[in-house]
Amino acid sequence: MMLSKKYVLLIIFAMMICLLSSCKNEKTTMIVPAGSPQFAQLYMQDSNNYDVTIVEGADPLVAAFGSSSYDVIVAPTNLGAKLYDAKPDYQLIATISWGSYYLVSKSNIDEMETLDIVAFGQNQIPDALMQYVLEGLDIEFEVEYLDSVSSVASDFVIDGSKVHLMSEPSLSVIASNNEGIDMFDLQSAYYTLTGYEDFPQASVFVHQSLTDQDVQKIKDDFASSIDLLHENLESSADLAKKLGISMEKEIIIQSIPRSNIEFKDSQDIKGDIIFFLGLLKGFNPNFVGENLPNDTFYR
């Protein structure tokens, strides 16, 4: 009888060890939009520490903020700020994507008196940035809006003499088939006007329940993943293909540098974010919400 009790205790002890071990090895859940932000986390997605969901469009991200169903959300900076105002569950820990918008043409853009622009995203972030830059530089322009960046790319093929608003990776597809196109970097112009280096397009948000140790590990992993991304573009492109990104390898290699992917800790870029959110709020208050987030938004 005493022997059987010992066996029972040993079994219970073993079960407790297994449970504790499984808790420690539980993966960090993360939702990431397809596109440039996806490149930033490739090496995290390839590890055993993260369970990553890649999504198209903003709706799944909005749902994730509302349901608090993920540990980490990568999302447009203004979206996280807007939803924080209503439900302060997710805090911004870093910005990883610093804009990938360009005006492109087969003609020399500098020689044009008035820019005849074909653009996407009317009354959205790309439109706000483009108008802010062109008005700030006193450049005259007229805009025709199409429904998507792919439609703009198709229009470029038809008439490349106009100026087209493009973003990565679509720009690299166009550039690979058209030699000598002229590019106007909206990020560089933004820096000229504001003194802020590029603009904080996409950021990393973590659930407020995560420990400081957890958050620091996530920061370190993003920084490491982005370093590896840039160290060997060919290997990174191979990994992207392995993880399901369907673009051609050469397009991935070309698009990464122009995607402006860089890790910057939230504590170092509050000024960049506050200025950017204020700019967007002035263009369209619905971009940010009623109030800009306070210091508790940053972690």
C-alpha atoms as a PDB file:
ATOM      1  CA  MET A   1       0.000   0.000   0.000  1.00  0.00           C
ATOM      2  CA  MET A   2       2.815   2.414   0.867  1.00  0.00           C
ATOM      3  CA  LEU A   3       4.504   1.524  -2.420  1.00  0.00           C
ATOM      4  CA  SER A   4       1.408   2.342  -4.451  1.00  0.00           C
ATOM      5  CA  LYS A   5       1.101   5.695  -2.671  1.00  0.00           C
ATOM      6  CA  LYS A   6       4.689   6.482  -3.611  1.00  0.00           C
ATOM      7  CA  TYR A   7       3.928   5.640  -7.234  1.00  0.00           C
ATOM      8  CA  VAL A   8       0.862   7.893  -7.156  1.00  0.00           C
ATOM      9  CA  LEU A   9       2.921  10.758  -5.739  1.00  0.00           C
ATOM     10  CA  LEU A  10       5.607  10.214  -8.369  1.00  0.00           C
ATOM     11  CA  ILE A  11       2.995  10.285 -11.137  1.00  0.00           C
ATOM     12  CA  ILE A  12       1.465  13.496  -9.764  1.00  0.00           C
ATOM     13  CA  PHE A  13       4.914  15.071  -9.475  1.00  0.00           C
ATOM     14  CA  ALA A  14       5.765  14.066 -13.054  1.00  0.00           C
ATOM     15  CA  MET A  15       2.493  15.522 -14.308  1.00  0.00           C
ATOM     16  CA  MET A  16       3.203  18.802 -12.536  1.00  0.00           C
ATOM     17  CA  ILE A  17       6.662  18.966 -14.109  1.00  0.00           C
ATOM     18  CA  CYS A  18       5.150  18.362 -17.553  1.00  0.00           C
ATOM     19  CA  LEU A  19       2.533  21.047 -17.015  1.00  0.00           C
ATOM     20  CA  LEU A  20       5.117  23.551 -15.849  1.00  0.00           C
ATOM     21  CA  SER A  21       7.359  22.674 -18.764  1.00  0.00           C
ATOM     22  CA  SER A  22       4.565  23.132 -21.290  1.00  0.00           C
ATOM     23  CA  CYS A  23       3.704  26.515 -19.799  1.00  0.00           C
ATOM     24  CA  LYS A  24       7.276  27.664 -20.102  1.00  0.00           C
ATOM     25  CA  ASN A  25       7.449  26.481 -23.724  1.00  0.00           C
ATOM     26  CA  GLU A  26       4.150  28.046 -24.786  1.00  0.00           C
ATOM     27  CA  LYS A  27       4.612  30.057 -27.960  1.00  0.00           C
ATOM     28  CA  THR A  28       4.030  33.804 -28.163  1.00  0.00           C
ATOM     29  CA  THR A  29       1.063  34.459 -30.440  1.00  0.00           C
ATOM     30  CA  MET A  30       1.426  37.210 -33.034  1.00  0.00           C
ATOM     31  CA  ILE A  31      -0.715  38.613 -35.858  1.00  0.00           C
ATOM     32  CA  VAL A  32       1.041  40.413 -38.718  1.00  0.00           C
ATOM     33  CA  PRO A  33      -0.265  42.138 -41.861  1.00  0.00           C
ATOM     34  CA  ALA A  34       1.080  40.915 -45.197  1.00  0.00           C
ATOM     35  CA  GLY A  35       3.534  43.235 -46.907  1.00  0.00           C
ATOM     36  CA  SER A  36       6.584  45.071 -45.606  1.00  0.00           C
ATOM     37  CA  PRO A  37       5.905  44.377 -41.886  1.00  0.00           C
ATOM     38  CA  GLN A  38       5.913  40.675 -42.717  1.00  0.00           C
ATOM     39  CA  PHE A  39       9.572  40.917 -43.749  1.00  0.00           C
ATOM     40  CA  ALA A  40      10.508  42.313 -40.328  1.00  0.00           C
ATOM     41  CA  GLN A  41       9.503  39.170 -38.446  1.00  0.00           C
ATOM     42  CA  LEU A  42      10.622  36.429 -40.841  1.00  0.00           C
ATOM     43  CA  TYR A  43      13.260  35.025 -38.516  1.00  0.00           C
ATOM     44  CA  MET A  44      10.842  35.071 -35.582  1.00  0.00           C
ATOM     45  CA  GLN A  45       8.221  33.223 -37.606  1.00  0.00           C
ATOM     46  CA  ASP A  46      10.842  30.640 -38.521  1.00  0.00           C
ATOM     47  CA  SER A  47      11.721  30.018 -34.868  1.00  0.00           C
ATOM     48  CA  ASN A  48       9.956  27.750 -32.392  1.00  0.00           C
ATOM     49  CA  ASN A  49       9.055  30.627 -30.079  1.00  0.00           C
ATOM     50  CA  TYR A  50       6.280  32.313 -32.047  1.00  0.00           C
ATOM     51  CA  ASP A  51       2.929  31.269 -33.457  1.00  0.00           C
ATOM     52  CA  VAL A  52       2.420  33.780 -36.286  1.00  0.00           C
ATOM     53  CA  THR A  53      -0.763  34.524 -38.224  1.00  0.00           C
ATOM     54  CA  ILE A  54      -0.389  36.524 -41.462  1.00  0.00           C
ATOM     55  CA  VAL A  55      -3.488  38.446 -42.555  1.00  0.00           C
ATOM     56  CA  GLU A  56      -4.643  40.695 -45.399  1.00  0.00           C
ATOM     57  CA  GLY A  57      -6.251  44.057 -44.716  1.00  0.00           C
ATOM     58  CA  ALA A  58      -7.110  45.944 -41.545  1.00  0.00           C
ATOM     59  CA  ASP A  59     -10.249  44.086 -40.424  1.00  0.00           C
ATOM     60  CA  PRO A  60      -8.445  41.108 -38.801  1.00  0.00           C
ATOM     61  CA  LEU A  61      -6.142  43.543 -36.972  1.00  0.00           C
ATOM     62  CA  VAL A  62      -9.080  45.547 -35.613  1.00  0.00           C
ATOM     63  CA  ALA A  63     -10.688  42.296 -34.467  1.00  0.00           C
ATOM     64  CA  ALA A  64      -7.444  41.246 -32.768  1.00  0.00           C
ATOM     65  CA  PHE A  65      -7.244  44.505 -30.800  1.00  0.00           C
ATOM     66  CA  GLY A  66     -10.864  44.094 -29.740  1.00  0.00           C
ATOM     67  CA  SER A  67     -10.647  40.453 -28.703  1.00  0.00           C
ATOM     68  CA  SER A  68      -7.226  40.629 -26.988  1.00  0.00           C
ATOM     69  CA  SER A  69      -6.594  37.215 -28.510  1.00  0.00           C
ATOM     70  CA  TYR A  70      -2.918  37.758 -29.401  1.00  0.00           C
ATOM     71  CA  ASP A  71       0.158  38.543 -27.345  1.00  0.00           C
ATOM     72  CA  VAL A  72       1.609  40.706 -30.127  1.00  0.00           C
ATOM     73  CA  ILE A  73      -0.060  42.729 -32.881  1.00  0.00           C
ATOM     74  CA  VAL A  74       1.852  44.348 -35.726  1.00  0.00           C
ATOM     75  CA  ALA A  75      -0.333  47.096 -37.153  1.00  0.00           C
ATOM     76  CA  PRO A  76      -0.385  50.615 -38.585  1.00  0.00           C
ATOM     77  CA  THR A  77       0.781  52.991 -35.860  1.00  0.00           C
ATOM     78  CA  ASN A  78      -2.310  55.170 -36.100  1.00  0.00           C
ATOM     79  CA  LEU A  79      -4.633  52.149 -35.835  1.00  0.00           C
ATOM     80  CA  GLY A  80      -3.050  51.072 -32.559  1.00  0.00           C
ATOM     81  CA  ALA A  81      -3.278  54.632 -31.240  1.00  0.00           C
ATOM     82  CA  LYS A  82      -6.925  54.989 -32.234  1.00  0.00           C
ATOM     83  CA  LEU A  83      -7.994  51.709 -30.657  1.00  0.00           C
ATOM     84  CA  TYR A  84      -5.950  52.390 -27.504  1.00  0.00           C
ATOM     85  CA  ASP A  85      -8.140  55.432 -26.903  1.00  0.00           C
ATOM     86  CA  ALA A  86     -11.184  53.139 -26.692  1.00  0.00           C
ATOM     87  CA  LYS A  87      -9.592  50.062 -25.096  1.00  0.00           C
ATOM     88  CA  PRO A  88      -6.069  50.469 -23.652  1.00  0.00           C
ATOM     89  CA  ASP A  89      -5.078  46.800 -23.747  1.00  0.00           C
ATOM     90  CA  TYR A  90      -2.176  47.010 -26.201  1.00  0.00           C
ATOM     91  CA  GLN A  91       0.897  49.186 -25.768  1.00  0.00           C
ATOM     92  CA  LEU A  92       3.363  50.290 -28.436  1.00  0.00           C
ATOM     93  CA  ILE A  93       6.872  48.912 -27.893  1.00  0.00           C
ATOM     94  CA  ALA A  94       8.601  49.662 -31.203  1.00  0.00           C
ATOM     95  CA  THR A  95       8.200  50.859 -34.765  1.00  0.00           C
ATOM     96  CA  ILE A  96       9.537  48.540 -37.456  1.00  0.00           C
ATOM     97  CA  SER A  97       8.302  49.958 -40.783  1.00  0.00           C
ATOM     98  CA  TRP A  98       9.189  53.515 -41.768  1.00  0.00           C
ATOM     99  CA  GLY A  99       7.306  54.071 -45.010  1.00  0.00           C
ATOM    100  CA  SER A 100       7.675  52.715 -48.528  1.00  0.00           C
ATOM    101  CA  TYR A 101       5.848  55.273 -50.662  1.00  0.00           C
ATOM    102  CA  TYR A 102       7.333  56.666 -53.862  1.00  0.00           C
ATOM    103  CA  LEU A 103       6.221  58.748 -56.826  1.00  0.00           C
ATOM    104  CA  VAL A 104       7.462  57.115 -60.034  1.00  0.00           C
ATOM    105  CA  SER A 105       7.428  58.036 -63.703  1.00  0.00           C
ATOM    106  CA  LYS A 106       9.141  57.246 -66.977  1.00  0.00           C
ATOM    107  CA  SER A 107       9.560  61.013 -67.354  1.00  0.00           C
ATOM    108  CA  ASN A 108      11.746  63.321 -65.267  1.00  0.00           C
ATOM    109  CA  ILE A 109       9.600  64.366 -62.309  1.00  0.00           C
ATOM    110  CA  ASP A 110      11.770  67.392 -61.454  1.00  0.00           C
ATOM    111  CA  GLU A 111      11.111  68.900 -64.874  1.00  0.00           C
ATOM    112  CA  MET A 112       7.318  68.787 -64.566  1.00  0.00           C
ATOM    113  CA  GLU A 113       5.561  72.073 -63.800  1.00  0.00           C
ATOM    114  CA  THR A 114       2.459  70.278 -62.513  1.00  0.00           C
ATOM    115  CA  LEU A 115       2.451  66.644 -61.442  1.00  0.00           C
ATOM    116  CA  ASP A 116      -0.312  64.611 -63.078  1.00  0.00           C
ATOM    117  CA  ILE A 117      -0.587  61.902 -60.412  1.00  0.00           C
ATOM    118  CA  VAL A 118      -2.360  58.546 -60.429  1.00  0.00           C
ATOM    119  CA  ALA A 119      -2.708  57.397 -56.817  1.00  0.00           C
ATOM    120  CA  PHE A 120      -4.360  54.868 -54.526  1.00  0.00           C
ATOM    121  CA  GLY A 121      -5.746  55.248 -51.012  1.00  0.00           C
ATOM    122  CA  GLN A 122      -7.862  58.382 -51.367  1.00  0.00           C
ATOM    123  CA  ASN A 123      -8.286  60.044 -47.948  1.00  0.00           C
ATOM    124  CA  GLN A 124      -6.078  57.346 -46.432  1.00  0.00           C
ATOM    125  CA  ILE A 125      -2.502  57.385 -45.068  1.00  0.00           C
ATOM    126  CA  PRO A 126      -0.700  57.324 -48.453  1.00  0.00           C
ATOM    127  CA  ASP A 127      -2.841  60.225 -49.642  1.00  0.00           C
ATOM    128  CA  ALA A 128      -2.200  62.207 -46.453  1.00  0.00           C
ATOM    129  CA  LEU A 129       1.566  61.758 -46.710  1.00  0.00           C
ATOM    130  CA  MET A 130       1.679  62.581 -50.412  1.00  0.00           C
ATOM    131  CA  GLN A 131      -0.400  65.742 -50.048  1.00  0.00           C
ATOM    132  CA  TYR A 132       1.552  66.885 -46.980  1.00  0.00           C
ATOM    133  CA  VAL A 133       4.882  66.524 -48.785  1.00  0.00           C
ATOM    134  CA  LEU A 134       3.841  68.084 -52.088  1.00  0.00           C
ATOM    135  CA  GLU A 135       2.076  71.019 -50.454  1.00  0.00           C
ATOM    136  CA  GLY A 136       5.012  71.521 -48.092  1.00  0.00           C
ATOM    137  CA  LEU A 137       7.410  71.688 -51.043  1.00  0.00           C
ATOM    138  CA  ASP A 138       5.062  74.006 -53.004  1.00  0.00           C
ATOM    139  CA  ILE A 139       4.708  71.488 -55.816  1.00  0.00           C
ATOM    140  CA  GLU A 140       1.574  71.838 -57.931  1.00  0.00           C
ATOM    141  CA  PHE A 141      -0.277  68.603 -58.567  1.00  0.00           C
ATOM    142  CA  GLU A 142      -3.522  67.050 -59.722  1.00  0.00           C
ATOM    143  CA  VAL A 143      -4.624  63.593 -58.601  1.00  0.00           C
ATOM    144  CA  GLU A 144      -6.688  60.817 -60.130  1.00  0.00           C
ATOM    145  CA  TYR A 145      -7.479  58.083 -57.605  1.00  0.00           C
ATOM    146  CA  LEU A 146      -7.772  54.387 -58.396  1.00  0.00           C
ATOM    147  CA  ASP A 147      -9.057  51.661 -56.094  1.00  0.00           C
ATOM    148  CA  SER A 148      -5.773  49.897 -55.255  1.00  0.00           C
ATOM    149  CA  VAL A 149      -2.014  49.934 -55.646  1.00  0.00           C
ATOM    150  CA  SER A 150      -2.301  47.075 -58.153  1.00  0.00           C
ATOM    151  CA  SER A 151      -4.615  49.229 -60.291  1.00  0.00           C
ATOM    152  CA  VAL A 152      -2.050  52.039 -60.160  1.00  0.00           C
ATOM    153  CA  ALA A 153       0.669  49.602 -61.236  1.00  0.00           C
ATOM    154  CA  SER A 154      -1.471  48.489 -64.179  1.00  0.00           C
ATOM    155  CA  ASP A 155      -2.049  52.119 -65.168  1.00  0.00           C
ATOM    156  CA  PHE A 156       1.714  52.730 -65.111  1.00  0.00           C
ATOM    157  CA  VAL A 157       2.130  50.012 -67.737  1.00  0.00           C
ATOM    158  CA  ILE A 158      -0.432  51.792 -69.928  1.00  0.00           C
ATOM    159  CA  ASP A 159       0.978  55.312 -69.497  1.00  0.00           C
ATOM    160  CA  GLY A 160       4.251  55.623 -67.611  1.00  0.00           C
ATOM    161  CA  SER A 161       4.649  59.285 -68.546  1.00  0.00           C
ATOM    162  CA  LYS A 162       2.294  60.240 -65.723  1.00  0.00           C
ATOM    163  CA  VAL A 163       3.402  60.227 -62.093  1.00  0.00           C
ATOM    164  CA  HIS A 164       2.221  57.198 -60.137  1.00  0.00           C
ATOM    165  CA  LEU A 165       2.095  56.745 -56.371  1.00  0.00           C
ATOM    166  CA  MET A 166       3.571  53.329 -55.610  1.00  0.00           C
ATOM    167  CA  SER A 167       4.606  51.316 -52.581  1.00  0.00           C
ATOM    168  CA  GLU A 168       6.714  48.244 -52.029  1.00  0.00           C
ATOM    169  CA  PRO A 169       6.699  45.497 -53.137  1.00  0.00           C
ATOM    170  CA  SER A 170       4.659  46.641 -56.172  1.00  0.00           C
ATOM    171  CA  LEU A 171       7.325  49.230 -56.957  1.00  0.00           C
ATOM    172  CA  SER A 172      10.002  46.556 -57.323  1.00  0.00           C
ATOM    173  CA  VAL A 173       7.783  44.626 -59.750  1.00  0.00           C
ATOM    174  CA  ILE A 174       7.449  47.766 -61.881  1.00  0.00           C
ATOM    175  CA  ALA A 175      11.154  48.643 -61.589  1.00  0.00           C
ATOM    176  CA  SER A 176      12.234  45.152 -62.641  1.00  0.00           C
ATOM    177  CA  ASN A 177      10.379  45.546 -65.947  1.00  0.00           C
ATOM    178  CA  ASN A 178      11.180  49.201 -66.632  1.00  0.00           C
ATOM    179  CA  GLU A 179      14.737  50.502 -66.723  1.00  0.00           C
ATOM    180  CA  GLY A 180      15.510  54.115 -65.941  1.00  0.00           C
ATOM    181  CA  ILE A 181      12.294  55.118 -64.198  1.00  0.00           C
ATOM    182  CA  ASP A 182      12.438  58.269 -62.071  1.00  0.00           C
ATOM    183  CA  MET A 183      11.609  57.881 -58.371  1.00  0.00           C
ATOM    184  CA  PHE A 184      10.679  60.564 -55.862  1.00  0.00           C
ATOM    185  CA  ASP A 185      11.149  59.271 -52.301  1.00  0.00           C
ATOM    186  CA  LEU A 186       8.319  60.613 -50.126  1.00  0.00           C
ATOM    187  CA  GLN A 187      10.118  59.479 -46.968  1.00  0.00           C
ATOM    188  CA  SER A 188      13.193  61.594 -47.750  1.00  0.00           C
ATOM    189  CA  ALA A 189      10.979  64.578 -48.529  1.00  0.00           C
ATOM    190  CA  TYR A 190       9.154  64.043 -45.224  1.00  0.00           C
ATOM    191  CA  TYR A 191      12.510  64.260 -43.438  1.00  0.00           C
ATOM    192  CA  THR A 192      13.381  67.460 -45.314  1.00  0.00           C
ATOM    193  CA  LEU A 193      10.123  69.066 -44.203  1.00  0.00           C
ATOM    194  CA  THR A 194       9.908  67.807 -40.620  1.00  0.00           C
ATOM    195  CA  GLY A 195      13.378  66.863 -39.426  1.00  0.00           C
ATOM    196  CA  TYR A 196      11.992  63.439 -38.512  1.00  0.00           C
ATOM    197  CA  GLU A 197      13.703  60.571 -40.306  1.00  0.00           C
ATOM    198  CA  ASP A 198      10.963  58.821 -42.286  1.00  0.00           C
ATOM    199  CA  PHE A 199       7.582  58.260 -40.672  1.00  0.00           C
ATOM    200  CA  PRO A 200       6.420  55.540 -38.267  1.00  0.00           C
ATOM    201  CA  GLN A 201       4.119  53.554 -40.518  1.00  0.00           C
ATOM    202  CA  ALA A 202       3.805  50.184 -38.742  1.00  0.00           C
ATOM    203  CA  SER A 203       4.515  49.369 -35.111  1.00  0.00           C
ATOM    204  CA  VAL A 204       4.599  46.479 -32.657  1.00  0.00           C
ATOM    205  CA  PHE A 205       1.945  46.366 -29.933  1.00  0.00           C
ATOM    206  CA  VAL A 206       1.960  43.990 -26.961  1.00  0.00           C
ATOM    207  CA  HIS A 207      -0.793  43.036 -24.568  1.00  0.00           C
ATOM    208  CA  GLN A 208      -0.477  44.878 -21.288  1.00  0.00           C
ATOM    209  CA  SER A 209      -0.553  41.586 -19.342  1.00  0.00           C
ATOM    210  CA  LEU A 210       2.874  40.544 -20.637  1.00  0.00           C
ATOM    211  CA  THR A 211       5.733  40.829 -18.170  1.00  0.00           C
ATOM    212  CA  ASP A 212       8.616  43.251 -18.660  1.00  0.00           C
ATOM    213  CA  GLN A 213      10.844  40.244 -19.311  1.00  0.00           C
ATOM    214  CA  ASP A 214       8.487  39.011 -22.041  1.00  0.00           C
ATOM    215  CA  VAL A 215       8.361  42.450 -23.644  1.00  0.00           C
ATOM    216  CA  GLN A 216      12.137  42.829 -23.639  1.00  0.00           C
ATOM    217  CA  LYS A 217      12.513  39.439 -25.330  1.00  0.00           C
ATOM    218  CA  ILE A 218      10.036  40.458 -28.036  1.00  0.00           C
ATOM    219  CA  LYS A 219      11.959  43.690 -28.605  1.00  0.00           C
ATOM    220  CA  ASP A 220      15.256  41.800 -28.801  1.00  0.00           C
ATOM    221  CA  ASP A 221      13.796  39.234 -31.198  1.00  0.00           C
ATOM    222  CA  PHE A 222      12.438  41.894 -33.556  1.00  0.00           C
ATOM    223  CA  ALA A 223      15.757  43.747 -33.528  1.00  0.00           C
ATOM    224  CA  SER A 224      17.634  40.518 -34.245  1.00  0.00           C
ATOM    225  CA  SER A 225      15.216  39.437 -36.983  1.00  0.00           C
ATOM    226  CA  ILE A 226      15.556  42.783 -38.764  1.00  0.00           C
ATOM    227  CA  ASP A 227      19.355  42.671 -38.498  1.00  0.00           C
ATOM    228  CA  LEU A 228      19.346  39.208 -40.076  1.00  0.00           C
ATOM    229  CA  LEU A 229      16.920  40.386 -42.755  1.00  0.00           C
ATOM    230  CA  HIS A 230      19.380  43.008 -43.981  1.00  0.00           C
ATOM    231  CA  GLU A 231      22.593  41.024 -43.460  1.00  0.00           C
ATOM    232  CA  ASN A 232      21.927  38.590 -46.302  1.00  0.00           C
ATOM    233  CA  LEU A 233      19.126  39.583 -48.659  1.00  0.00           C
ATOM    234  CA  GLU A 234      19.392  36.385 -50.677  1.00  0.00           C
ATOM    235  CA  SER A 235      19.001  34.152 -47.605  1.00  0.00           C
ATOM    236  CA  SER A 236      16.162  36.343 -46.352  1.00  0.00           C
ATOM    237  CA  ALA A 237      14.400  36.045 -49.709  1.00  0.00           C
ATOM    238  CA  ASP A 238      14.773  32.259 -49.563  1.00  0.00           C
ATOM    239  CA  LEU A 239      13.259  32.265 -46.082  1.00  0.00           C
ATOM    240  CA  ALA A 240      10.402  34.496 -47.232  1.00  0.00           C
ATOM    241  CA  LYS A 241       9.605  32.029 -50.011  1.00  0.00           C
ATOM    242  CA  LYS A 242       9.793  29.139 -47.557  1.00  0.00           C
ATOM    243  CA  LEU A 243       7.310  30.882 -45.245  1.00  0.00           C
ATOM    244  CA  GLY A 244       4.775  31.404 -48.001  1.00  0.00           C
ATOM    245  CA  ILE A 245       5.508  34.800 -49.549  1.00  0.00           C
ATOM    246  CA  SER A 246       4.637  34.211 -53.199  1.00  0.00           C
ATOM    247  CA  MET A 247       6.700  36.955 -54.839  1.00  0.00           C
ATOM    248  CA  GLU A 248       9.657  36.118 -57.050  1.00  0.00           C
ATOM    249  CA  LYS A 249      12.930  35.903 -55.172  1.00  0.00           C
ATOM    250  CA  GLU A 250      14.528  38.807 -57.071  1.00  0.00           C
ATOM    251  CA  ILE A 251      11.528  41.039 -56.350  1.00  0.00           C
ATOM    252  CA  ILE A 252      11.854  40.304 -52.626  1.00  0.00           C
ATOM    253  CA  ILE A 253      15.576  41.126 -52.734  1.00  0.00           C
ATOM    254  CA  GLN A 254      14.899  44.446 -54.472  1.00  0.00           C
ATOM    255  CA  SER A 255      11.961  45.449 -52.279  1.00  0.00           C
ATOM    256  CA  ILE A 256      13.510  44.952 -48.828  1.00  0.00           C
ATOM    257  CA  PRO A 257      15.906  47.964 -48.899  1.00  0.00           C
ATOM    258  CA  ARG A 258      13.185  50.341 -50.141  1.00  0.00           C
ATOM    259  CA  SER A 259      10.722  49.068 -47.530  1.00  0.00           C
ATOM    260  CA  ASN A 260      12.613  51.017 -44.838  1.00  0.00           C
ATOM    261  CA  ILE A 261      12.441  48.278 -42.230  1.00  0.00           C
ATOM    262  CA  GLU A 262      14.279  49.267 -39.066  1.00  0.00           C
ATOM    263  CA  PHE A 263      13.774  48.534 -35.366  1.00  0.00           C
ATOM    264  CA  LYS A 264      13.383  51.582 -33.135  1.00  0.00           C
ATOM    265  CA  ASP A 265      12.364  51.295 -29.492  1.00  0.00           C
ATOM    266  CA  SER A 266       9.238  53.231 -28.509  1.00  0.00           C
ATOM    267  CA  GLN A 267      11.103  55.057 -25.751  1.00  0.00           C
ATOM    268  CA  ASP A 268      13.434  56.592 -28.349  1.00  0.00           C
ATOM    269  CA  ILE A 269      10.832  57.720 -30.896  1.00  0.00           C
ATOM    270  CA  LYS A 270       7.950  59.253 -28.949  1.00  0.00           C
ATOM    271  CA  GLY A 271       8.543  62.564 -30.709  1.00  0.00           C
ATOM    272  CA  ASP A 272       8.387  60.928 -34.145  1.00  0.00           C
ATOM    273  CA  ILE A 273       5.124  59.198 -33.301  1.00  0.00           C
ATOM    274  CA  ILE A 274       3.447  62.196 -31.656  1.00  0.00           C
ATOM    275  CA  PHE A 275       4.299  64.420 -34.637  1.00  0.00           C
ATOM    276  CA  PHE A 276       3.083  61.802 -37.129  1.00  0.00           C
ATOM    277  CA  LEU A 277      -0.194  61.201 -35.296  1.00  0.00           C
ATOM    278  CA  GLY A 278      -0.769  64.944 -35.054  1.00  0.00           C
ATOM    279  CA  LEU A 279      -0.175  65.304 -38.791  1.00  0.00           C
ATOM    280  CA  LEU A 280      -2.709  62.570 -39.526  1.00  0.00           C
ATOM    281  CA  LYS A 281      -5.236  64.008 -37.099  1.00  0.00           C
ATOM    282  CA  GLY A 282      -5.017  67.331 -38.924  1.00  0.00           C
ATOM    283  CA  PHE A 283      -5.681  65.606 -42.246  1.00  0.00           C
ATOM    284  CA  ASN A 284      -8.500  63.389 -40.981  1.00  0.00           C
ATOM    285  CA  PRO A 285      -9.427  63.146 -37.258  1.00  0.00           C
ATOM    286  CA  ASN A 286     -10.773  59.627 -37.834  1.00  0.00           C
ATOM    287  CA  PHE A 287      -7.234  58.384 -38.473  1.00  0.00           C
ATOM    288  CA  VAL A 288      -6.292  58.752 -34.819  1.00  0.00           C
ATOM    289  CA  GLY A 289      -9.446  59.147 -32.762  1.00  0.00           C
ATOM    290  CA  GLU A 290     -10.594  61.852 -30.400  1.00  0.00           C
ATOM    291  CA  ASN A 291      -7.433  62.038 -28.290  1.00  0.00           C
ATOM    292  CA  LEU A 292      -3.763  61.344 -28.883  1.00  0.00           C
ATOM    293  CA  PRO A 293      -2.568  58.592 -26.513  1.00  0.00           C
ATOM    294  CA  ASN A 294      -0.752  59.532 -23.299  1.00  0.00           C
ATOM    295  CA  ASP A 295       2.587  58.203 -22.039  1.00  0.00           C
ATOM    296  CA  THR A 296       1.078  54.892 -20.894  1.00  0.00           C
ATOM    297  CA  PHE A 297       0.654  54.049 -24.586  1.00  0.00           C
ATOM    298  CA  TYR A 298       4.423  53.568 -24.864  1.00  0.00           C
ATOM    299  CA  ARG A 299       6.239  50.682 -23.206  1.00  0.00           C
END
